[in-house]
N, C-alpha and C. Protein backbone atom coordinates (compact mmCIF):
# COMPACT_ATOMS: atom_id res chain seq x y z
N MET A 1 90.03 104.75 105.14
CA MET A 1 91.00 104.90 104.63
C MET A 1 90.99 105.94 103.57
N THR A 2 91.11 106.97 102.69
CA THR A 2 90.72 108.16 102.14
C THR A 2 91.19 107.62 100.94
N ASP A 3 90.17 108.31 99.69
CA ASP A 3 90.76 108.34 98.46
C ASP A 3 92.01 108.72 98.36
N LYS A 4 92.92 109.37 99.01
CA LYS A 4 94.49 109.56 98.18
C LYS A 4 95.04 108.48 98.96
N GLN A 5 94.67 107.94 100.05
CA GLN A 5 95.56 106.70 100.53
C GLN A 5 95.06 105.54 99.77
N LEU A 6 94.06 105.12 99.21
CA LEU A 6 93.79 104.16 98.46
C LEU A 6 94.93 104.76 97.17
N LEU A 7 94.55 105.76 96.58
CA LEU A 7 95.52 105.85 95.20
C LEU A 7 96.69 105.73 95.43
N GLU A 8 97.31 106.24 96.71
CA GLU A 8 98.88 105.93 96.90
C GLU A 8 99.42 104.45 96.93
N ILE A 9 98.43 103.41 97.55
CA ILE A 9 98.70 102.18 97.84
C ILE A 9 98.39 101.36 96.42
N PHE A 10 97.47 102.17 95.11
CA PHE A 10 97.14 101.21 94.01
C PHE A 10 98.58 101.27 93.12
N LYS A 11 98.88 102.78 93.15
CA LYS A 11 99.98 103.33 92.46
C LYS A 11 101.32 102.56 93.02
N ALA A 12 101.49 102.10 94.28
CA ALA A 12 102.75 101.49 94.98
C ALA A 12 102.62 100.19 94.23
N LEU A 13 101.52 99.31 94.02
CA LEU A 13 100.98 97.88 93.81
C LEU A 13 100.88 97.65 92.28
N SER A 14 101.20 98.87 91.50
CA SER A 14 101.13 98.60 89.89
C SER A 14 102.31 98.29 89.39
N ASN A 15 103.25 98.16 90.06
CA ASN A 15 104.78 97.67 89.35
C ASN A 15 104.99 96.37 89.98
N GLU A 16 104.52 95.46 88.93
CA GLU A 16 105.14 93.76 89.22
C GLU A 16 106.25 93.70 90.26
N THR A 17 107.11 94.14 90.36
CA THR A 17 108.36 93.75 91.38
C THR A 17 108.11 94.49 92.52
N ARG A 18 107.68 95.52 92.93
CA ARG A 18 107.00 95.85 94.21
C ARG A 18 105.57 94.86 94.42
N LEU A 19 104.67 94.87 93.69
CA LEU A 19 104.03 93.62 94.08
C LEU A 19 104.40 92.14 94.71
N HIS A 20 105.61 92.03 94.43
CA HIS A 20 106.39 90.44 94.54
C HIS A 20 106.95 90.74 95.62
N ILE A 21 107.41 92.15 96.47
CA ILE A 21 108.20 92.14 97.39
C ILE A 21 107.62 92.41 98.38
N LEU A 22 106.33 92.93 98.68
CA LEU A 22 105.02 92.46 99.24
C LEU A 22 104.77 91.31 99.80
N GLN A 23 104.74 90.54 98.85
CA GLN A 23 104.12 89.08 98.88
C GLN A 23 105.30 88.17 99.41
N TRP A 24 106.27 88.61 98.97
CA TRP A 24 107.67 88.01 99.77
C TRP A 24 107.69 88.37 101.17
N LEU A 25 107.46 89.36 101.64
CA LEU A 25 107.40 89.64 103.14
C LEU A 25 106.29 88.99 103.53
N LYS A 26 105.68 88.62 103.15
CA LYS A 26 104.02 87.73 103.71
C LYS A 26 105.23 86.84 104.76
N THR A 27 106.16 85.81 104.39
CA THR A 27 107.03 84.85 104.67
C THR A 27 108.21 85.35 104.45
N PRO A 28 108.64 85.96 105.30
CA PRO A 28 110.12 85.94 105.22
C PRO A 28 111.36 85.35 105.31
N ASP A 29 110.89 84.63 106.47
CA ASP A 29 111.90 83.13 106.69
C ASP A 29 111.87 82.03 105.13
N GLU A 30 110.26 82.25 104.53
CA GLU A 30 110.98 81.59 103.20
C GLU A 30 111.36 81.72 102.17
N ASN A 31 111.04 83.21 102.49
CA ASN A 31 111.67 83.78 100.87
C ASN A 31 112.99 84.71 101.04
N PHE A 32 113.50 84.70 102.02
CA PHE A 32 114.96 84.84 102.85
C PHE A 32 115.39 84.12 103.28
N PRO A 33 116.09 83.01 102.88
CA PRO A 33 116.17 81.94 103.75
C PRO A 33 117.48 82.00 104.48
N LYS A 34 118.46 82.70 103.68
CA LYS A 34 119.68 83.15 103.53
C LYS A 34 120.37 83.82 104.94
N LYS A 35 121.05 83.39 106.34
CA LYS A 35 121.57 83.98 107.41
C LYS A 35 121.87 85.04 107.35
N GLY A 36 121.30 85.94 108.27
CA GLY A 36 121.09 87.49 108.42
C GLY A 36 120.42 88.36 107.49
N CYS A 37 120.01 88.01 106.73
CA CYS A 37 118.58 88.84 105.88
C CYS A 37 117.66 88.97 106.48
N VAL A 38 116.41 88.16 107.31
CA VAL A 38 115.80 88.32 108.03
C VAL A 38 116.16 88.98 109.88
N SER A 39 116.03 89.85 110.02
CA SER A 39 116.29 90.25 111.36
C SER A 39 115.68 89.41 112.60
N GLU A 40 117.00 88.76 113.45
CA GLU A 40 116.69 87.75 114.48
C GLU A 40 116.68 88.87 115.98
N ASP A 41 116.49 89.98 115.44
CA ASP A 41 116.61 91.14 116.74
C ASP A 41 115.36 90.33 117.56
N GLU A 42 115.72 90.68 118.91
CA GLU A 42 114.21 90.48 119.94
C GLU A 42 113.43 91.38 119.84
N ASP A 43 114.01 92.64 119.52
CA ASP A 43 113.11 94.15 119.33
C ASP A 43 112.07 93.69 118.43
N PRO A 44 110.48 93.84 118.60
CA PRO A 44 109.40 93.92 117.74
C PRO A 44 109.11 94.62 116.68
N ALA A 45 109.76 95.54 116.98
CA ALA A 45 109.90 96.36 115.36
C ALA A 45 111.09 95.86 114.53
N LEU A 46 111.96 94.64 114.83
CA LEU A 46 112.81 94.08 113.44
C LEU A 46 111.95 92.62 113.47
N GLN A 47 110.86 92.20 114.26
CA GLN A 47 110.43 90.86 113.91
C GLN A 47 109.75 90.74 112.51
N GLY A 48 110.75 89.97 111.54
CA GLY A 48 110.43 89.58 110.93
C GLY A 48 110.61 90.56 109.50
N ALA A 49 111.21 91.73 109.76
CA ALA A 49 112.34 92.72 108.81
C ALA A 49 113.00 91.91 108.07
N VAL A 50 113.20 92.35 106.82
CA VAL A 50 114.02 91.90 106.18
C VAL A 50 115.02 93.15 105.59
N CYS A 51 116.32 93.01 105.90
CA CYS A 51 117.34 93.73 104.76
C CYS A 51 117.22 94.58 103.61
N VAL A 52 117.46 95.59 103.30
CA VAL A 52 117.30 96.13 101.96
C VAL A 52 118.30 95.23 101.02
N CYS A 53 119.74 94.84 101.10
CA CYS A 53 120.24 94.17 100.58
C CYS A 53 119.95 92.98 99.75
N ALA A 54 118.84 92.05 100.63
CA ALA A 54 118.66 91.08 100.69
C ALA A 54 117.15 90.89 99.44
N ILE A 55 116.48 92.29 99.91
CA ILE A 55 115.42 92.18 99.01
C ILE A 55 115.71 92.72 97.60
N GLY A 56 116.66 93.59 97.58
CA GLY A 56 117.45 93.72 96.28
C GLY A 56 118.05 92.45 95.14
N GLU A 57 118.77 91.82 95.95
CA GLU A 57 119.19 90.42 95.71
C GLU A 57 118.55 89.36 95.06
N LYS A 58 117.06 89.13 95.64
CA LYS A 58 115.46 88.43 94.98
C LYS A 58 115.13 89.06 94.28
N ALA A 59 115.44 90.26 94.21
CA ALA A 59 114.53 90.73 93.04
C ALA A 59 115.10 91.49 91.66
N GLY A 60 116.57 91.03 92.12
CA GLY A 60 117.56 91.35 91.07
C GLY A 60 117.62 92.65 90.39
N ILE A 61 117.50 93.51 91.25
CA ILE A 61 117.51 94.95 91.15
C ILE A 61 118.52 95.95 91.61
N SER A 62 118.75 96.84 91.18
CA SER A 62 120.32 97.09 91.26
C SER A 62 119.62 98.64 93.02
N GLN A 63 120.59 98.57 94.11
CA GLN A 63 120.78 99.10 95.02
C GLN A 63 119.51 100.59 95.49
N SER A 64 119.90 101.17 93.95
CA SER A 64 119.22 102.51 93.90
C SER A 64 117.87 102.29 93.89
N THR A 65 117.36 101.18 92.51
CA THR A 65 116.04 101.06 92.26
C THR A 65 115.26 100.24 93.54
N VAL A 66 115.63 99.32 94.18
CA VAL A 66 115.28 98.78 95.36
C VAL A 66 115.05 99.87 96.37
N SER A 67 115.73 100.78 96.41
CA SER A 67 115.61 101.50 97.52
C SER A 67 114.59 102.65 97.70
N GLN A 68 114.31 102.73 95.70
CA GLN A 68 113.12 103.83 95.37
C GLN A 68 111.59 102.98 95.58
N TYR A 69 111.84 101.42 95.35
CA TYR A 69 110.78 101.00 95.43
C TYR A 69 110.04 100.97 96.50
N LEU A 70 111.18 100.81 98.12
CA LEU A 70 110.81 100.62 99.20
C LEU A 70 110.02 101.91 99.50
N GLU A 71 110.96 102.78 99.24
CA GLU A 71 110.50 104.47 99.92
C GLU A 71 109.45 104.50 99.43
N THR A 72 108.74 104.10 97.80
CA THR A 72 107.55 104.31 97.33
C THR A 72 106.56 103.76 98.08
N MET A 73 106.36 102.28 98.55
CA MET A 73 105.76 101.11 99.55
C MET A 73 105.62 101.74 100.65
N GLU A 74 106.67 102.68 101.36
CA GLU A 74 106.74 103.02 102.73
C GLU A 74 105.71 104.59 102.86
N ARG A 75 105.73 105.14 101.72
CA ARG A 75 105.23 106.50 101.52
C ARG A 75 103.94 105.92 101.28
N ALA A 76 103.08 104.74 100.89
CA ALA A 76 102.06 104.53 100.76
C ALA A 76 101.37 103.84 102.17
N GLY A 77 102.17 103.53 102.94
CA GLY A 77 101.97 102.92 103.98
C GLY A 77 101.83 101.23 104.02
N LEU A 78 102.39 100.47 103.21
CA LEU A 78 102.44 99.24 102.65
C LEU A 78 103.89 98.39 103.38
N LEU A 79 104.73 99.67 103.82
CA LEU A 79 105.82 98.82 104.77
C LEU A 79 105.91 100.11 106.15
N THR A 80 106.96 99.10 107.14
CA THR A 80 107.81 99.97 107.59
C THR A 80 108.94 100.17 107.60
N LEU A 81 109.76 100.55 108.38
CA LEU A 81 111.38 100.33 108.42
C LEU A 81 111.68 100.91 109.43
N VAL A 82 112.65 100.07 109.92
CA VAL A 82 113.86 100.43 111.30
C VAL A 82 115.02 100.69 110.43
N ARG A 83 115.98 101.03 111.26
CA ARG A 83 117.38 101.45 110.50
C ARG A 83 118.29 101.55 111.49
N ARG A 84 119.09 100.25 111.78
CA ARG A 84 120.22 100.04 112.96
C ARG A 84 121.58 99.92 112.23
N GLY A 85 121.96 100.93 112.70
CA GLY A 85 123.32 101.66 112.39
C GLY A 85 123.46 101.69 110.88
N LYS A 86 123.97 100.94 109.99
CA LYS A 86 124.32 101.15 108.61
C LYS A 86 123.16 100.60 107.79
N TRP A 87 122.21 99.27 108.44
CA TRP A 87 121.27 98.52 108.01
C TRP A 87 119.69 99.09 107.96
N THR A 88 118.91 99.39 106.62
CA THR A 88 117.97 99.40 106.95
C THR A 88 116.79 97.94 106.89
N TYR A 89 116.23 97.81 107.85
CA TYR A 89 115.11 96.94 107.63
C TYR A 89 113.61 96.93 107.33
N TYR A 90 112.83 96.37 106.27
CA TYR A 90 112.03 97.07 105.71
C TYR A 90 110.69 95.48 106.65
N ARG A 91 109.54 95.56 106.66
CA ARG A 91 108.36 94.73 106.71
C ARG A 91 107.40 95.59 106.46
N ARG A 92 106.30 94.39 105.99
CA ARG A 92 104.94 94.90 105.79
C ARG A 92 104.04 95.40 106.71
N ASN A 93 103.14 96.49 107.04
CA ASN A 93 102.20 97.56 107.55
C ASN A 93 101.25 96.69 107.27
N GLU A 94 100.55 95.29 108.73
CA GLU A 94 99.68 94.55 108.53
C GLU A 94 98.88 95.39 109.09
N ASP A 95 98.51 96.49 109.90
CA ASP A 95 97.94 97.31 110.00
C ASP A 95 96.91 98.16 108.52
N THR A 96 98.04 98.73 107.94
CA THR A 96 97.55 99.39 106.84
C THR A 96 97.11 98.12 105.60
N LEU A 97 97.61 96.87 105.21
CA LEU A 97 96.73 95.66 104.98
C LEU A 97 95.00 95.08 105.44
N ARG A 98 95.16 95.39 106.52
CA ARG A 98 94.05 94.64 107.13
C ARG A 98 93.08 96.22 106.52
N ALA A 99 93.31 97.58 106.95
CA ALA A 99 92.69 98.58 106.55
C ALA A 99 92.28 98.30 104.53
N LEU A 100 93.04 98.19 104.09
CA LEU A 100 92.81 98.20 102.63
C LEU A 100 92.09 96.92 102.32
N SER A 101 92.07 96.04 102.88
CA SER A 101 91.36 94.79 102.71
C SER A 101 89.73 95.41 103.44
N ALA A 102 89.38 95.59 103.88
CA ALA A 102 88.20 96.52 105.02
C ALA A 102 87.90 97.10 103.87
N CYS A 103 88.48 98.04 103.19
CA CYS A 103 87.95 99.17 102.35
C CYS A 103 87.53 98.74 101.31
N ILE A 104 88.33 97.44 100.51
CA ILE A 104 87.74 97.25 99.68
C ILE A 104 86.81 96.21 99.76
N SER A 105 86.56 95.28 100.65
CA SER A 105 85.31 94.44 101.06
C SER A 105 83.88 95.43 101.25
N THR A 106 84.21 96.76 101.54
CA THR A 106 83.52 97.85 101.80
C THR A 106 82.56 98.71 100.96
N GLN A 107 83.65 99.19 100.28
CA GLN A 107 83.50 100.26 99.40
C GLN A 107 83.78 99.76 97.82
N LEU A 108 84.32 99.03 97.62
CA LEU A 108 84.62 98.87 96.36
C LEU A 108 83.81 97.76 95.87
């Protein structure tokens, strides 16, 4: 992981709401229990993914703000997104989180 990647990740996590979003997405079924929030699609790309509207509702922020937050986190590699029709779903990028963990334990 490069210094630039680390900086992007730490910038993304320097906001309390974005940090909470990442924590909530660790266990989406527990944190987004309302039917339809967590994708039930059989597509592996959508397993555990949560609709943007549900994330914004739980965070108590506007649609535009949650979209900006999620875009920041996706750009940092913390989240992946999948679009299905008019809906956008996000989930954690576990590969990036494992790389971050390894980097912290070996380099910081």
